[in-house]
Every structure is written in C-alpha cells, then in structure tokens.
Amino acid sequence: MSDLLECPKCGHPNSKLAYFCNNCHALLIHRCPNCWHEQRVGIVCKKCGANMVLASEAAYETSMAEDVRSKRDKATARALTVWQIALLPFTSLAGLLWMLVAKLFGLLLFDR
C-alpha cells in the first residue's frame, strides 16, 4: 500500500504516478506552466516560485486570444474567396473583352 496515494478530494487510493484520480478525476499532479515542474500540493511552484493559478489563467487567456485571431483570419480568408468567386465573371469577362477589342482593332488596322 506504500505505492498508493490518497486523492485529496474523494480519498480514493491512486498510484503515485497518476495525474488524475481514478474515481473522481480530480487533478493529482499540478504542473507549473512556466518551468513545467510537477508537484502534488500547493499553488506556488516550489522550483521557480510562480503562482500556478495566475500563470495558468494567463496561458488560457493567451490561448483564447490566439483562437479568436485564428477564427477571424479564417473568416476573412473565406470572405475574400467568396468575393473573388463573385467577381470572377466580371474580371474574366473584362480580360476577354480586352482581348477581343485588341484583335478587332488589330484586324481593322491591318485591313487598310
């Protein structure tokens, strides 16, 4: 029984290597987001002294901001693609008309 640790939330015995409780799924090993040091108790990292709760919240906010930026960039790319497809008949028609006018103008000049 020495290789088992009790869950602080439900009291279920878990392996020393377990990250989550097998019974209630509570977090058993806390990892510092700054230095990746793992510890079982405390909100202040014993290695670098960082407040793990505040650092985790900052990392989460950064992740959410990157997610929002990524979604905005994808929406912009989709809108530009739709815009290009919508303008395709007009832009290709303009090129076709330009070519026809140039051919007709060239034929009219060479007929004389």
N, C-alpha and C. Protein backbone atom coordinates (compact mmCIF):
# COMPACT_ATOMS: atom_id res chain seq x y z
N MET A 1 0.81 -1.19 0.00
CA MET A 1 0.00 0.00 0.00
C MET A 1 0.85 1.26 0.00
N SER A 2 2.16 1.16 0.10
CA SER A 2 3.02 2.33 0.15
C SER A 2 3.13 3.01 -1.21
N ASP A 3 2.81 2.30 -2.29
CA ASP A 3 2.91 2.91 -3.61
C ASP A 3 1.59 3.58 -4.02
N LEU A 4 0.63 3.71 -3.10
CA LEU A 4 -0.64 4.36 -3.38
C LEU A 4 -0.76 5.66 -2.60
N LEU A 5 -1.33 6.66 -3.27
CA LEU A 5 -1.59 7.95 -2.63
C LEU A 5 -3.09 8.21 -2.62
N GLU A 6 -3.55 8.84 -1.58
CA GLU A 6 -4.97 9.10 -1.42
C GLU A 6 -5.35 10.40 -2.12
N CYS A 7 -6.46 10.38 -2.84
CA CYS A 7 -6.96 11.57 -3.51
C CYS A 7 -7.41 12.59 -2.47
N PRO A 8 -7.00 13.87 -2.59
CA PRO A 8 -7.41 14.86 -1.60
C PRO A 8 -8.89 15.21 -1.69
N LYS A 9 -9.54 14.90 -2.79
CA LYS A 9 -10.94 15.25 -2.96
C LYS A 9 -11.89 14.15 -2.46
N CYS A 10 -11.63 12.90 -2.90
CA CYS A 10 -12.57 11.81 -2.55
C CYS A 10 -11.96 10.74 -1.65
N GLY A 11 -10.64 10.75 -1.47
CA GLY A 11 -9.99 9.77 -0.61
C GLY A 11 -9.70 8.43 -1.26
N HIS A 12 -9.93 8.33 -2.55
CA HIS A 12 -9.69 7.07 -3.28
C HIS A 12 -8.17 6.85 -3.41
N PRO A 13 -7.68 5.62 -3.18
CA PRO A 13 -6.24 5.36 -3.35
C PRO A 13 -5.88 5.30 -4.84
N ASN A 14 -4.80 6.00 -5.21
CA ASN A 14 -4.32 6.07 -6.59
C ASN A 14 -2.83 5.79 -6.63
N SER A 15 -2.34 5.43 -7.78
CA SER A 15 -0.92 5.21 -7.97
C SER A 15 -0.16 6.52 -7.79
N LYS A 16 1.09 6.45 -7.38
CA LYS A 16 1.91 7.66 -7.23
C LYS A 16 2.15 8.36 -8.56
N LEU A 17 2.08 7.61 -9.66
CA LEU A 17 2.33 8.16 -10.98
C LEU A 17 1.09 8.73 -11.65
N ALA A 18 -0.08 8.57 -11.03
CA ALA A 18 -1.33 9.00 -11.64
C ALA A 18 -1.44 10.53 -11.65
N TYR A 19 -1.87 11.09 -12.76
CA TYR A 19 -2.09 12.52 -12.88
C TYR A 19 -3.50 12.90 -12.42
N PHE A 20 -4.45 11.95 -12.60
CA PHE A 20 -5.84 12.19 -12.23
C PHE A 20 -6.33 11.05 -11.35
N CYS A 21 -7.29 11.34 -10.48
CA CYS A 21 -7.89 10.33 -9.63
C CYS A 21 -8.72 9.37 -10.47
N ASN A 22 -8.57 8.08 -10.22
CA ASN A 22 -9.33 7.08 -10.97
C ASN A 22 -10.81 7.12 -10.64
N ASN A 23 -11.17 7.66 -9.48
CA ASN A 23 -12.55 7.67 -9.05
C ASN A 23 -13.28 8.96 -9.44
N CYS A 24 -12.74 10.10 -9.03
CA CYS A 24 -13.44 11.38 -9.26
C CYS A 24 -12.80 12.24 -10.35
N HIS A 25 -11.68 11.81 -10.89
CA HIS A 25 -10.95 12.51 -11.97
C HIS A 25 -10.38 13.86 -11.55
N ALA A 26 -10.16 14.03 -10.28
CA ALA A 26 -9.54 15.26 -9.78
C ALA A 26 -8.05 15.26 -10.17
N LEU A 27 -7.51 16.43 -10.37
CA LEU A 27 -6.11 16.59 -10.72
C LEU A 27 -5.24 16.26 -9.50
N LEU A 28 -4.30 15.33 -9.67
CA LEU A 28 -3.43 14.92 -8.55
C LEU A 28 -2.04 15.53 -8.65
N ILE A 29 -1.55 15.77 -9.86
CA ILE A 29 -0.23 16.37 -10.04
C ILE A 29 -0.42 17.70 -10.76
N HIS A 30 0.07 18.75 -10.15
CA HIS A 30 -0.03 20.09 -10.72
C HIS A 30 1.28 20.39 -11.44
N ARG A 31 1.18 20.92 -12.65
CA ARG A 31 2.38 21.24 -13.44
C ARG A 31 2.44 22.75 -13.63
N CYS A 32 3.59 23.33 -13.30
CA CYS A 32 3.82 24.76 -13.46
C CYS A 32 3.88 25.10 -14.95
N PRO A 33 3.10 26.07 -15.42
CA PRO A 33 3.15 26.42 -16.84
C PRO A 33 4.41 27.17 -17.24
N ASN A 34 5.15 27.69 -16.26
CA ASN A 34 6.39 28.42 -16.58
C ASN A 34 7.59 27.49 -16.74
N CYS A 35 7.81 26.60 -15.74
CA CYS A 35 9.01 25.76 -15.77
C CYS A 35 8.70 24.26 -15.90
N TRP A 36 7.42 23.90 -15.96
CA TRP A 36 6.95 22.51 -16.11
C TRP A 36 7.31 21.62 -14.93
N HIS A 37 7.59 22.22 -13.78
CA HIS A 37 7.85 21.44 -12.57
C HIS A 37 6.54 20.82 -12.09
N GLU A 38 6.59 19.54 -11.71
CA GLU A 38 5.40 18.84 -11.24
C GLU A 38 5.45 18.69 -9.73
N GLN A 39 4.31 18.99 -9.09
CA GLN A 39 4.21 18.83 -7.64
C GLN A 39 2.79 18.43 -7.30
N ARG A 40 2.64 17.81 -6.13
CA ARG A 40 1.33 17.29 -5.72
C ARG A 40 0.47 18.34 -5.01
N VAL A 41 1.07 19.24 -4.27
CA VAL A 41 0.29 20.20 -3.48
C VAL A 41 0.82 21.61 -3.69
N GLY A 42 -0.03 22.59 -3.40
CA GLY A 42 0.39 23.99 -3.44
C GLY A 42 0.06 24.67 -4.75
N ILE A 43 -0.18 25.99 -4.65
CA ILE A 43 -0.45 26.76 -5.85
C ILE A 43 0.77 27.58 -6.28
N VAL A 44 1.80 27.58 -5.44
CA VAL A 44 3.05 28.27 -5.78
C VAL A 44 4.08 27.21 -6.13
N CYS A 45 4.71 27.38 -7.30
CA CYS A 45 5.71 26.40 -7.76
C CYS A 45 6.91 26.40 -6.80
N LYS A 46 7.31 25.21 -6.40
CA LYS A 46 8.45 25.09 -5.48
C LYS A 46 9.78 25.30 -6.19
N LYS A 47 9.78 25.23 -7.51
CA LYS A 47 11.03 25.38 -8.26
C LYS A 47 11.29 26.83 -8.67
N CYS A 48 10.27 27.48 -9.29
CA CYS A 48 10.50 28.84 -9.79
C CYS A 48 9.74 29.90 -9.00
N GLY A 49 8.83 29.50 -8.13
CA GLY A 49 8.11 30.45 -7.30
C GLY A 49 6.92 31.11 -7.96
N ALA A 50 6.56 30.66 -9.16
CA ALA A 50 5.43 31.27 -9.87
C ALA A 50 4.11 30.82 -9.27
N ASN A 51 3.13 31.70 -9.30
CA ASN A 51 1.79 31.35 -8.87
C ASN A 51 1.16 30.56 -10.02
N MET A 52 0.93 29.26 -9.81
CA MET A 52 0.48 28.39 -10.89
C MET A 52 -0.94 28.73 -11.35
N VAL A 53 -1.78 29.22 -10.47
CA VAL A 53 -3.14 29.56 -10.86
C VAL A 53 -3.13 30.77 -11.78
N LEU A 54 -2.39 31.82 -11.40
CA LEU A 54 -2.32 33.02 -12.23
C LEU A 54 -1.64 32.74 -13.57
N ALA A 55 -0.58 31.94 -13.55
CA ALA A 55 0.12 31.60 -14.79
C ALA A 55 -0.77 30.76 -15.70
N SER A 56 -1.55 29.86 -15.12
CA SER A 56 -2.45 29.04 -15.92
C SER A 56 -3.56 29.90 -16.54
N GLU A 57 -4.08 30.85 -15.76
CA GLU A 57 -5.11 31.75 -16.29
C GLU A 57 -4.55 32.61 -17.42
N ALA A 58 -3.32 33.10 -17.27
CA ALA A 58 -2.71 33.91 -18.33
C ALA A 58 -2.49 33.07 -19.59
N ALA A 59 -2.04 31.83 -19.41
CA ALA A 59 -1.85 30.94 -20.56
C ALA A 59 -3.18 30.65 -21.25
N TYR A 60 -4.24 30.47 -20.47
CA TYR A 60 -5.56 30.22 -21.03
C TYR A 60 -6.06 31.43 -21.81
N GLU A 61 -5.87 32.62 -21.26
CA GLU A 61 -6.30 33.84 -21.95
C GLU A 61 -5.53 34.03 -23.25
N THR A 62 -4.24 33.75 -23.24
CA THR A 62 -3.44 33.83 -24.46
C THR A 62 -3.93 32.83 -25.49
N SER A 63 -4.22 31.63 -25.05
CA SER A 63 -4.73 30.59 -25.95
C SER A 63 -6.06 31.01 -26.56
N MET A 64 -6.94 31.58 -25.74
CA MET A 64 -8.25 32.02 -26.25
C MET A 64 -8.09 33.17 -27.24
N ALA A 65 -7.16 34.09 -26.98
CA ALA A 65 -6.92 35.20 -27.90
C ALA A 65 -6.39 34.69 -29.23
N GLU A 66 -5.50 33.70 -29.19
CA GLU A 66 -4.99 33.10 -30.43
C GLU A 66 -6.09 32.38 -31.18
N ASP A 67 -7.00 31.74 -30.45
CA ASP A 67 -8.12 31.04 -31.08
C ASP A 67 -9.05 32.03 -31.78
N VAL A 68 -9.32 33.16 -31.13
CA VAL A 68 -10.18 34.18 -31.72
C VAL A 68 -9.51 34.75 -32.97
N ARG A 69 -8.21 35.03 -32.89
CA ARG A 69 -7.48 35.57 -34.04
C ARG A 69 -7.48 34.57 -35.19
N SER A 70 -7.31 33.30 -34.88
CA SER A 70 -7.31 32.27 -35.91
C SER A 70 -8.68 32.18 -36.59
N LYS A 71 -9.75 32.21 -35.80
CA LYS A 71 -11.10 32.18 -36.37
C LYS A 71 -11.36 33.40 -37.23
N ARG A 72 -10.91 34.58 -36.79
CA ARG A 72 -11.09 35.80 -37.57
C ARG A 72 -10.33 35.72 -38.89
N ASP A 73 -9.10 35.20 -38.85
CA ASP A 73 -8.32 35.06 -40.07
C ASP A 73 -8.97 34.09 -41.06
N LYS A 74 -9.53 32.99 -40.53
CA LYS A 74 -10.21 32.03 -41.40
C LYS A 74 -11.46 32.64 -42.02
N ALA A 75 -12.21 33.42 -41.24
CA ALA A 75 -13.41 34.07 -41.76
C ALA A 75 -13.05 35.09 -42.83
N THR A 76 -11.96 35.83 -42.62
CA THR A 76 -11.50 36.80 -43.61
C THR A 76 -11.09 36.09 -44.90
N ALA A 77 -10.38 34.98 -44.77
CA ALA A 77 -9.96 34.23 -45.95
C ALA A 77 -11.17 33.69 -46.71
N ARG A 78 -12.18 33.20 -45.98
CA ARG A 78 -13.39 32.71 -46.64
C ARG A 78 -14.11 33.84 -47.36
N ALA A 79 -14.21 35.00 -46.71
CA ALA A 79 -14.89 36.14 -47.32
C ALA A 79 -14.16 36.60 -48.58
N LEU A 80 -12.84 36.63 -48.53
CA LEU A 80 -12.07 37.03 -49.72
C LEU A 80 -12.23 36.02 -50.84
N THR A 81 -12.31 34.74 -50.50
CA THR A 81 -12.51 33.72 -51.52
C THR A 81 -13.86 33.88 -52.19
N VAL A 82 -14.89 34.11 -51.38
CA VAL A 82 -16.23 34.32 -51.94
C VAL A 82 -16.25 35.57 -52.81
N TRP A 83 -15.58 36.61 -52.36
CA TRP A 83 -15.50 37.85 -53.13
C TRP A 83 -14.82 37.62 -54.48
N GLN A 84 -13.73 36.89 -54.48
CA GLN A 84 -13.04 36.59 -55.74
C GLN A 84 -13.91 35.75 -56.66
N ILE A 85 -14.63 34.77 -56.11
CA ILE A 85 -15.51 33.94 -56.93
C ILE A 85 -16.65 34.78 -57.49
N ALA A 86 -17.18 35.70 -56.67
CA ALA A 86 -18.26 36.56 -57.15
C ALA A 86 -17.79 37.49 -58.26
N LEU A 87 -16.56 37.96 -58.18
CA LEU A 87 -16.03 38.86 -59.20
C LEU A 87 -15.45 38.15 -60.41
N LEU A 88 -15.33 36.85 -60.35
CA LEU A 88 -14.71 36.09 -61.43
C LEU A 88 -15.37 36.32 -62.79
N PRO A 89 -16.70 36.30 -62.89
CA PRO A 89 -17.29 36.54 -64.22
C PRO A 89 -16.95 37.92 -64.79
N PHE A 90 -16.88 38.92 -63.92
CA PHE A 90 -16.60 40.27 -64.39
C PHE A 90 -15.12 40.44 -64.75
N THR A 91 -14.25 39.88 -63.95
CA THR A 91 -12.82 40.05 -64.22
C THR A 91 -12.40 39.23 -65.43
N SER A 92 -12.93 38.03 -65.58
CA SER A 92 -12.56 37.23 -66.75
C SER A 92 -13.23 37.79 -67.99
N LEU A 93 -14.44 38.36 -67.86
CA LEU A 93 -15.13 38.97 -68.98
C LEU A 93 -14.38 40.21 -69.45
N ALA A 94 -13.85 40.97 -68.51
CA ALA A 94 -13.08 42.16 -68.88
C ALA A 94 -11.84 41.76 -69.66
N GLY A 95 -11.17 40.71 -69.23
CA GLY A 95 -10.00 40.25 -69.96
C GLY A 95 -10.36 39.75 -71.35
N LEU A 96 -11.48 39.05 -71.46
CA LEU A 96 -11.94 38.55 -72.75
C LEU A 96 -12.31 39.70 -73.68
N LEU A 97 -13.02 40.69 -73.16
CA LEU A 97 -13.38 41.85 -73.97
C LEU A 97 -12.14 42.62 -74.41
N TRP A 98 -11.18 42.75 -73.52
CA TRP A 98 -9.94 43.44 -73.86
C TRP A 98 -9.23 42.73 -75.01
N MET A 99 -9.20 41.40 -74.94
CA MET A 99 -8.56 40.63 -76.00
C MET A 99 -9.32 40.78 -77.32
N LEU A 100 -10.67 40.73 -77.28
CA LEU A 100 -11.47 40.88 -78.49
C LEU A 100 -11.31 42.25 -79.11
N VAL A 101 -11.30 43.30 -78.29
CA VAL A 101 -11.11 44.66 -78.80
C VAL A 101 -9.73 44.79 -79.43
N ALA A 102 -8.73 44.21 -78.80
CA ALA A 102 -7.38 44.28 -79.35
C ALA A 102 -7.31 43.53 -80.68
N LYS A 103 -7.95 42.36 -80.78
CA LYS A 103 -7.96 41.60 -82.04
C LYS A 103 -8.70 42.38 -83.12
N LEU A 104 -9.88 42.92 -82.78
CA LEU A 104 -10.65 43.69 -83.77
C LEU A 104 -9.89 44.93 -84.20
N PHE A 105 -9.27 45.60 -83.27
CA PHE A 105 -8.51 46.80 -83.60
C PHE A 105 -7.32 46.43 -84.48
N GLY A 106 -6.68 45.30 -84.16
CA GLY A 106 -5.56 44.83 -84.97
C GLY A 106 -6.02 44.43 -86.36
N LEU A 107 -7.19 43.80 -86.49
CA LEU A 107 -7.71 43.41 -87.80
C LEU A 107 -8.10 44.64 -88.61
N LEU A 108 -8.70 45.64 -87.94
CA LEU A 108 -9.07 46.85 -88.64
C LEU A 108 -7.85 47.61 -89.12
N LEU A 109 -6.80 47.62 -88.39
CA LEU A 109 -5.59 48.32 -88.80
C LEU A 109 -4.90 47.60 -89.96
N PHE A 110 -4.92 46.27 -89.95
CA PHE A 110 -4.22 45.54 -90.99
C PHE A 110 -5.05 45.37 -92.25
N ASP A 111 -6.35 45.64 -92.21
CA ASP A 111 -7.20 45.55 -93.40
C ASP A 111 -6.98 46.74 -94.31
N ARG A 112 -6.57 47.83 -93.86
CA ARG A 112 -6.40 49.03 -94.66
C ARG A 112 -5.18 48.99 -95.49
